[in-house]
Amino acid sequence: MKRREFIALLGGTAAAWPLTAGAQQSTTLRHIAFLMAQNETNAEVQGGLAAFREGLEKLGWTEGRNIHFEFRWAGSDQDLMHRGAEELVALQPDVILSSSSPTTAILLQLTRKIPVLFMNIVDPVGQGFVASLSRPGGNATGLVNLELTMAGKWIELLKEVAPSLTRAVVPYNPATAPYADLYLSHFKSMSSSLGVEVIAAPVADMDEFKAVVAAQARESNTGFVLMPSAFMSGHSRETAKLMLQNQLPAIYTTRDFAKFGGVLSYGNDIADNYRRGASFIDRILKGEAPSDLPVEFPVKFALIINLKTAKALGLTVPATLLATADEVVE
């Protein structure tokens, strides 16, 4: 081969190298695992996952083309969470998305190498998941769902629809709400100015929860505040029905409770957090370390009022509150 032809051939081959490498990179299948502390039938979480997929699509990640999803749905069952976490870690995915504090705690016990993206959790610093919000420092980062100061807002809203309220019962499952004491301190500091006594009610399962509801229903001027947790969200339909049957006003943190008959829900837009979570995945898959990705707070909140339930409970929702609602269930 003549020297000129060889150089021309070499130049043509070299020019093709970046294109070939780029094609290989774009078609490489990356693996994202999901450890979910909800049931697969949870409509609100499915809505969040739809927003998550949409966010990934916009960033160039398409399920089945260059990204693969692997799910484990555990509900609030601790055994299923542990089993699912072990299975997912064994698969060595590129990232594991964790939907709650309990699932995040379990995953971080099993791996300090695989990136973990937590979604909609409370106080990741206090729970030891990250060193700080601005510099997580380990293999986990993500988005929190609510600031602790929201505790006061929930009591304010409940008091608006039930002005005679003097007792606010706060049930929680310690296994799925290890941060409960943080919320309770905010509840208590805020409640005194509103003339409301806060009653902490730890429960281990739905039978204990039903017993608490039955006992508190016998007390006058009583309402419930359901703090966020995998246990409560896993029993949203049953909980809302139970409150209505016992003629108890209650406020919740996610819209599915209000959809199922809860009188009020106020909290962050879960779908928006999942949509924003897609950018974390994109950055991690492109080589950034979770330790360098600051934890983010929610930016969208929604107030849902179930007017039908309010009427069934004999409550009058102020027109000013109705005017600020993001959605009213008739």
Protein backbone atom coordinates (compact mmCIF):
# COMPACT_ATOMS: atom_id res chain seq x y z
CA MET A 1 0.00 0.00 0.00
CA LYS A 2 1.32 3.44 -0.92
CA ARG A 3 2.10 5.84 1.91
CA ARG A 4 -0.56 8.37 0.78
CA GLU A 5 -3.27 5.68 0.63
CA PHE A 6 -2.26 4.36 4.05
CA ILE A 7 -2.51 7.82 5.62
CA ALA A 8 -5.87 8.40 3.97
CA LEU A 9 -7.14 5.05 5.25
CA LEU A 10 -5.78 5.74 8.76
CA GLY A 11 -7.39 9.18 8.78
CA GLY A 12 -10.73 7.73 7.73
CA THR A 13 -10.57 5.08 10.44
CA ALA A 14 -9.60 7.60 13.11
CA ALA A 15 -12.44 9.85 12.08
CA ALA A 16 -14.83 6.97 12.60
CA TRP A 17 -13.60 6.18 16.13
CA PRO A 18 -15.53 8.93 17.99
CA LEU A 19 -18.71 8.05 16.10
CA THR A 20 -18.38 4.39 17.01
CA ALA A 21 -17.64 5.20 20.66
CA GLY A 22 -20.58 7.58 20.77
CA ALA A 23 -22.90 4.97 19.31
CA GLN A 24 -21.76 2.41 21.86
CA GLN A 25 -22.25 4.88 24.72
CA SER A 26 -25.76 5.81 23.65
CA THR A 27 -26.90 2.19 23.37
CA THR A 28 -25.25 0.88 26.56
CA LEU A 29 -28.00 -0.39 28.84
CA ARG A 30 -27.77 1.17 32.30
CA HIS A 31 -29.58 -0.41 35.24
CA ILE A 32 -31.75 1.49 37.73
CA ALA A 33 -33.21 -0.41 40.69
CA PHE A 34 -36.19 0.72 42.78
CA LEU A 35 -36.89 -0.26 46.39
CA MET A 36 -40.43 0.97 47.05
CA ALA A 37 -42.04 1.23 50.48
CA GLN A 38 -45.47 1.31 48.85
CA ASN A 39 -47.69 -1.15 47.09
CA GLU A 40 -47.55 -1.31 43.32
CA THR A 41 -51.19 -0.22 43.18
CA ASN A 42 -50.44 3.12 44.90
CA ALA A 43 -51.80 5.63 42.39
CA GLU A 44 -49.84 8.60 43.72
CA VAL A 45 -46.51 6.80 43.51
CA GLN A 46 -47.34 5.51 40.04
CA GLY A 47 -48.02 9.11 39.05
CA GLY A 48 -44.63 10.04 40.43
CA LEU A 49 -42.93 7.27 38.49
CA ALA A 50 -44.66 8.43 35.30
CA ALA A 51 -43.23 11.90 35.90
CA PHE A 52 -39.84 10.31 36.59
CA ARG A 53 -39.90 8.44 33.28
CA GLU A 54 -40.93 11.62 31.49
CA GLY A 55 -38.03 13.47 33.08
CA LEU A 56 -35.58 10.77 32.01
CA GLU A 57 -36.96 10.80 28.45
CA LYS A 58 -36.25 14.51 28.18
CA LEU A 59 -32.68 13.84 29.26
CA GLY A 60 -32.20 11.12 26.64
CA TRP A 61 -32.87 8.01 28.75
CA THR A 62 -35.51 5.66 27.38
CA GLU A 63 -36.60 2.51 29.17
CA GLY A 64 -35.75 -0.54 27.08
CA ARG A 65 -33.34 1.35 24.83
CA ASN A 66 -30.53 2.60 27.04
CA ILE A 67 -31.95 2.13 30.53
CA HIS A 68 -33.51 -0.82 32.38
CA PHE A 69 -35.69 -0.70 35.51
CA GLU A 70 -35.82 -3.36 38.23
CA PHE A 71 -38.51 -2.97 40.92
CA ARG A 72 -39.09 -4.40 44.37
CA TRP A 73 -42.42 -3.41 45.97
CA ALA A 74 -42.41 -3.92 49.73
CA GLY A 75 -45.29 -1.83 51.05
CA SER A 76 -44.64 -1.24 54.76
CA ASP A 77 -43.48 -4.84 55.30
CA GLN A 78 -40.01 -4.70 56.87
CA ASP A 79 -39.17 -8.27 55.86
CA LEU A 80 -39.99 -7.53 52.23
CA MET A 81 -37.88 -4.38 52.39
CA HIS A 82 -34.85 -6.31 53.64
CA ARG A 83 -35.32 -9.09 51.09
CA GLY A 84 -35.83 -6.63 48.24
CA ALA A 85 -32.78 -4.60 49.27
CA GLU A 86 -30.56 -7.70 49.37
CA GLU A 87 -31.76 -8.81 45.94
CA LEU A 88 -31.21 -5.40 44.37
CA VAL A 89 -27.76 -4.88 45.87
CA ALA A 90 -26.76 -8.32 44.59
CA LEU A 91 -27.67 -7.20 41.07
CA GLN A 92 -25.12 -4.34 41.32
CA PRO A 93 -27.21 -1.74 39.45
CA ASP A 94 -25.87 1.69 38.48
CA VAL A 95 -28.22 3.45 40.92
CA ILE A 96 -30.87 2.38 43.44
CA LEU A 97 -33.87 4.66 43.97
CA SER A 98 -35.25 4.43 47.50
CA SER A 99 -38.75 5.71 48.22
CA SER A 100 -38.65 6.09 52.01
CA SER A 101 -36.54 6.45 55.14
CA PRO A 102 -36.77 2.74 56.10
CA THR A 103 -35.74 1.53 52.64
CA THR A 104 -32.86 4.04 52.56
CA ALA A 105 -31.61 2.93 55.98
CA ILE A 106 -31.65 -0.72 54.90
CA LEU A 107 -29.85 -0.03 51.62
CA LEU A 108 -27.10 1.99 53.30
CA GLN A 109 -26.53 -0.87 55.72
CA LEU A 110 -25.91 -3.15 52.74
CA THR A 111 -23.88 -0.93 50.43
CA ARG A 112 -21.68 2.13 50.63
CA LYS A 113 -20.64 1.84 46.99
CA ILE A 114 -23.79 1.72 44.86
CA PRO A 115 -25.30 5.22 44.51
CA VAL A 116 -28.60 5.53 46.38
CA LEU A 117 -31.12 8.21 45.41
CA PHE A 118 -33.71 8.76 48.15
CA MET A 119 -37.06 10.33 47.38
CA ASN A 120 -39.50 12.19 49.62
CA ILE A 121 -37.87 11.49 52.97
CA VAL A 122 -37.50 13.47 56.20
CA ASP A 123 -34.30 14.84 57.77
CA PRO A 124 -31.58 12.84 55.94
CA VAL A 125 -28.87 14.48 58.07
CA GLY A 126 -30.55 13.58 61.37
CA GLN A 127 -31.07 10.03 60.17
CA GLY A 128 -27.41 9.68 59.22
CA PHE A 129 -27.95 9.23 55.49
CA VAL A 130 -25.80 12.23 54.51
CA ALA A 131 -23.14 14.32 56.24
CA SER A 132 -24.79 17.59 55.23
CA LEU A 133 -27.42 18.79 52.79
CA SER A 134 -24.94 20.71 50.65
CA ARG A 135 -22.21 18.04 50.70
CA PRO A 136 -23.77 14.60 51.28
CA GLY A 137 -20.35 13.00 51.47
CA GLY A 138 -21.31 9.35 50.91
CA ASN A 139 -23.12 7.26 48.34
CA ALA A 140 -26.58 8.74 48.97
CA THR A 141 -28.36 11.94 48.01
CA GLY A 142 -31.82 12.94 46.84
CA LEU A 143 -34.90 14.94 47.73
CA VAL A 144 -36.70 15.52 51.01
CA ASN A 145 -40.47 15.78 51.09
CA LEU A 146 -41.32 18.20 53.89
CA GLU A 147 -39.66 20.59 56.27
CA LEU A 148 -40.32 19.91 59.93
CA THR A 149 -41.96 23.33 60.30
CA MET A 150 -44.84 21.95 58.24
CA ALA A 151 -46.08 20.35 61.47
CA GLY A 152 -47.41 23.68 62.65
CA LYS A 153 -49.09 24.35 59.31
CA TRP A 154 -51.04 21.08 59.50
CA ILE A 155 -52.49 21.97 62.89
CA GLU A 156 -53.35 25.48 61.65
CA LEU A 157 -55.24 24.09 58.66
CA LEU A 158 -57.08 21.50 60.73
CA LYS A 159 -58.06 24.19 63.21
CA GLU A 160 -59.44 26.31 60.36
CA VAL A 161 -61.95 23.65 59.32
CA ALA A 162 -62.59 22.46 62.89
CA PRO A 163 -62.42 25.61 65.08
CA SER A 164 -63.51 23.72 68.21
CA LEU A 165 -60.45 21.43 67.99
CA THR A 166 -58.63 21.15 71.33
CA ARG A 167 -56.93 17.76 70.91
CA ALA A 168 -54.73 16.63 68.01
CA VAL A 169 -53.79 12.95 67.96
CA VAL A 170 -50.61 12.13 66.04
CA PRO A 171 -50.39 8.39 65.26
CA TYR A 172 -47.20 6.92 63.84
CA ASN A 173 -45.42 3.63 63.39
CA PRO A 174 -41.90 3.94 64.91
CA ALA A 175 -40.56 1.38 62.42
CA THR A 176 -41.45 3.53 59.40
CA ALA A 177 -41.22 6.96 61.05
CA PRO A 178 -37.91 7.02 62.95
CA TYR A 179 -38.03 10.83 62.69
CA ALA A 180 -41.33 11.06 64.63
CA ASP A 181 -39.82 12.82 67.65
CA LEU A 182 -38.62 15.66 65.43
CA TYR A 183 -42.14 16.26 64.15
CA LEU A 184 -43.68 15.87 67.59
CA SER A 185 -41.47 18.60 69.05
CA HIS A 186 -42.65 20.98 66.31
CA PHE A 187 -46.25 19.93 66.82
CA LYS A 188 -46.05 20.67 70.51
CA SER A 189 -44.27 24.01 70.16
CA MET A 190 -46.90 25.24 67.70
CA SER A 191 -49.99 23.73 69.27
CA SER A 192 -49.87 25.68 72.55
CA SER A 193 -50.43 28.98 70.75
CA LEU A 194 -53.49 27.48 69.06
CA GLY A 195 -54.91 26.02 72.25
CA VAL A 196 -54.49 22.44 71.04
CA GLU A 197 -53.11 19.53 73.06
CA VAL A 198 -50.92 17.16 71.03
CA ILE A 199 -51.25 13.46 71.83
CA ALA A 200 -48.55 11.13 70.46
CA ALA A 201 -49.88 7.68 69.57
CA PRO A 202 -47.25 5.12 68.49
CA VAL A 203 -48.75 2.05 66.83
CA ALA A 204 -47.18 -1.15 65.50
CA ASP A 205 -49.90 -2.20 63.06
CA MET A 206 -53.40 -1.41 61.81
CA ASP A 207 -55.08 -3.21 64.69
CA GLU A 208 -53.37 -0.90 67.17
CA PHE A 209 -54.17 2.08 64.97
CA LYS A 210 -57.86 1.14 64.88
CA ALA A 211 -57.86 0.82 68.67
CA VAL A 212 -56.37 4.32 69.01
CA VAL A 213 -58.98 5.76 66.66
CA ALA A 214 -61.84 4.07 68.52
CA ALA A 215 -60.58 5.33 71.89
CA GLN A 216 -60.00 8.90 70.72
CA ALA A 217 -63.34 9.08 68.94
CA ARG A 218 -65.00 8.99 72.36
CA GLU A 219 -63.28 12.27 73.28
CA SER A 220 -64.84 15.55 72.18
CA ASN A 221 -63.14 18.18 69.98
CA THR A 222 -60.55 15.69 68.74
CA GLY A 223 -58.83 15.51 65.37
CA PHE A 224 -55.96 13.56 63.82
CA VAL A 225 -52.75 14.68 62.14
CA LEU A 226 -51.17 11.93 60.03
CA MET A 227 -47.46 12.62 59.61
CA PRO A 228 -45.76 11.23 56.49
CA SER A 229 -44.63 7.61 56.67
CA ALA A 230 -44.62 4.45 54.59
CA PHE A 231 -46.97 2.80 57.08
CA MET A 232 -49.67 5.46 56.76
CA SER A 233 -49.36 5.86 53.01
CA GLY A 234 -49.69 2.10 52.66
CA HIS A 235 -53.10 2.25 54.36
CA SER A 236 -54.42 5.51 52.93
CA ARG A 237 -57.82 4.24 51.77
CA GLU A 238 -58.48 2.32 55.00
CA THR A 239 -57.35 5.24 57.16
CA ALA A 240 -59.52 7.83 55.44
CA LYS A 241 -62.53 5.51 55.68
CA LEU A 242 -61.86 4.88 59.37
CA MET A 243 -61.76 8.60 60.17
CA LEU A 244 -65.03 9.22 58.36
CA GLN A 245 -66.75 6.32 60.09
CA ASN A 246 -65.68 7.69 63.48
CA GLN A 247 -66.60 11.28 62.56
CA LEU A 248 -63.06 12.53 63.12
CA PRO A 249 -61.53 15.43 61.19
CA ALA A 250 -58.00 14.67 60.02
CA ILE A 251 -55.29 16.19 57.89
CA TYR A 252 -52.87 14.16 55.78
CA THR A 253 -49.71 14.87 53.79
CA THR A 254 -50.55 13.32 50.41
CA ARG A 255 -53.45 13.83 48.06
CA ASP A 256 -54.49 10.18 47.86
CA PHE A 257 -55.88 10.41 51.40
CA ALA A 258 -58.16 13.29 50.37
CA LYS A 259 -59.16 11.39 47.24
CA PHE A 260 -60.20 8.45 49.42
CA GLY A 261 -62.30 10.58 51.75
CA GLY A 262 -59.90 12.47 54.01
CA VAL A 263 -61.11 16.00 54.64
CA LEU A 264 -57.73 17.73 54.09
CA SER A 265 -54.32 16.99 52.67
CA TYR A 266 -51.41 19.39 52.45
CA GLY A 267 -47.92 18.48 51.36
CA ASN A 268 -45.39 18.57 48.59
CA ASP A 269 -46.19 17.53 45.04
CA ILE A 270 -44.70 14.02 44.99
CA ALA A 271 -44.76 13.82 41.20
CA ASP A 272 -42.67 16.98 40.97
CA ASN A 273 -40.03 15.51 43.28
CA TYR A 274 -39.86 12.36 41.14
CA ARG A 275 -39.59 14.47 38.00
CA ARG A 276 -36.68 16.37 39.53
CA GLY A 277 -35.16 13.07 40.65
CA ALA A 278 -34.56 12.22 36.98
CA SER A 279 -31.85 14.88 36.80
CA PHE A 280 -30.02 13.21 39.71
CA ILE A 281 -30.08 9.90 37.84
CA ASP A 282 -28.81 11.59 34.68
CA ARG A 283 -25.91 13.22 36.48
CA ILE A 284 -24.93 10.04 38.33
CA LEU A 285 -25.04 7.96 35.14
CA LYS A 286 -22.80 10.56 33.50
CA GLY A 287 -20.18 10.14 36.21
CA GLU A 288 -21.00 12.57 39.02
CA ALA A 289 -20.76 11.21 42.56
CA PRO A 290 -23.75 11.35 44.96
CA SER A 291 -21.38 12.84 47.54
CA ASP A 292 -21.16 15.99 45.40
CA LEU A 293 -24.87 16.37 44.61
CA PRO A 294 -26.67 18.57 47.20
CA VAL A 295 -29.91 17.33 48.71
CA GLU A 296 -32.88 19.31 47.40
CA PHE A 297 -36.10 20.51 49.03
CA PRO A 298 -39.57 20.43 47.47
CA VAL A 299 -40.68 23.49 45.53
CA LYS A 300 -44.32 22.60 44.81
CA PHE A 301 -47.02 22.06 47.44
CA ALA A 302 -50.70 21.22 47.12
CA LEU A 303 -53.74 21.74 49.37
CA ILE A 304 -56.60 19.33 48.64
CA ILE A 305 -59.99 19.78 50.31
CA ASN A 306 -62.67 17.10 50.23
CA LEU A 307 -65.82 19.19 50.53
CA LYS A 308 -68.06 16.13 50.51
CA THR A 309 -66.28 14.73 53.59
CA ALA A 310 -66.33 18.13 55.32
CA LYS A 311 -70.13 18.24 54.94
CA ALA A 312 -70.46 14.65 56.19
CA LEU A 313 -68.49 15.64 59.30
CA GLY A 314 -70.62 18.76 59.80
CA LEU A 315 -67.69 21.08 59.10
CA THR A 316 -67.84 24.39 57.27
CA VAL A 317 -64.75 25.12 55.21
CA PRO A 318 -64.01 28.87 55.19
CA ALA A 319 -64.35 30.49 51.79
CA THR A 320 -60.86 31.94 52.17
CA LEU A 321 -59.43 28.45 52.56
CA LEU A 322 -61.41 27.10 49.61
CA ALA A 323 -60.03 29.91 47.49
CA THR A 324 -56.45 28.82 48.20
CA ALA A 325 -57.04 25.10 47.55
CA ASP A 326 -55.27 23.50 44.59
CA GLU A 327 -58.10 21.01 44.26
CA VAL A 328 -61.57 20.65 45.77
CA VAL A 329 -63.24 17.23 45.81
CA GLU A 330 -66.99 17.73 45.51
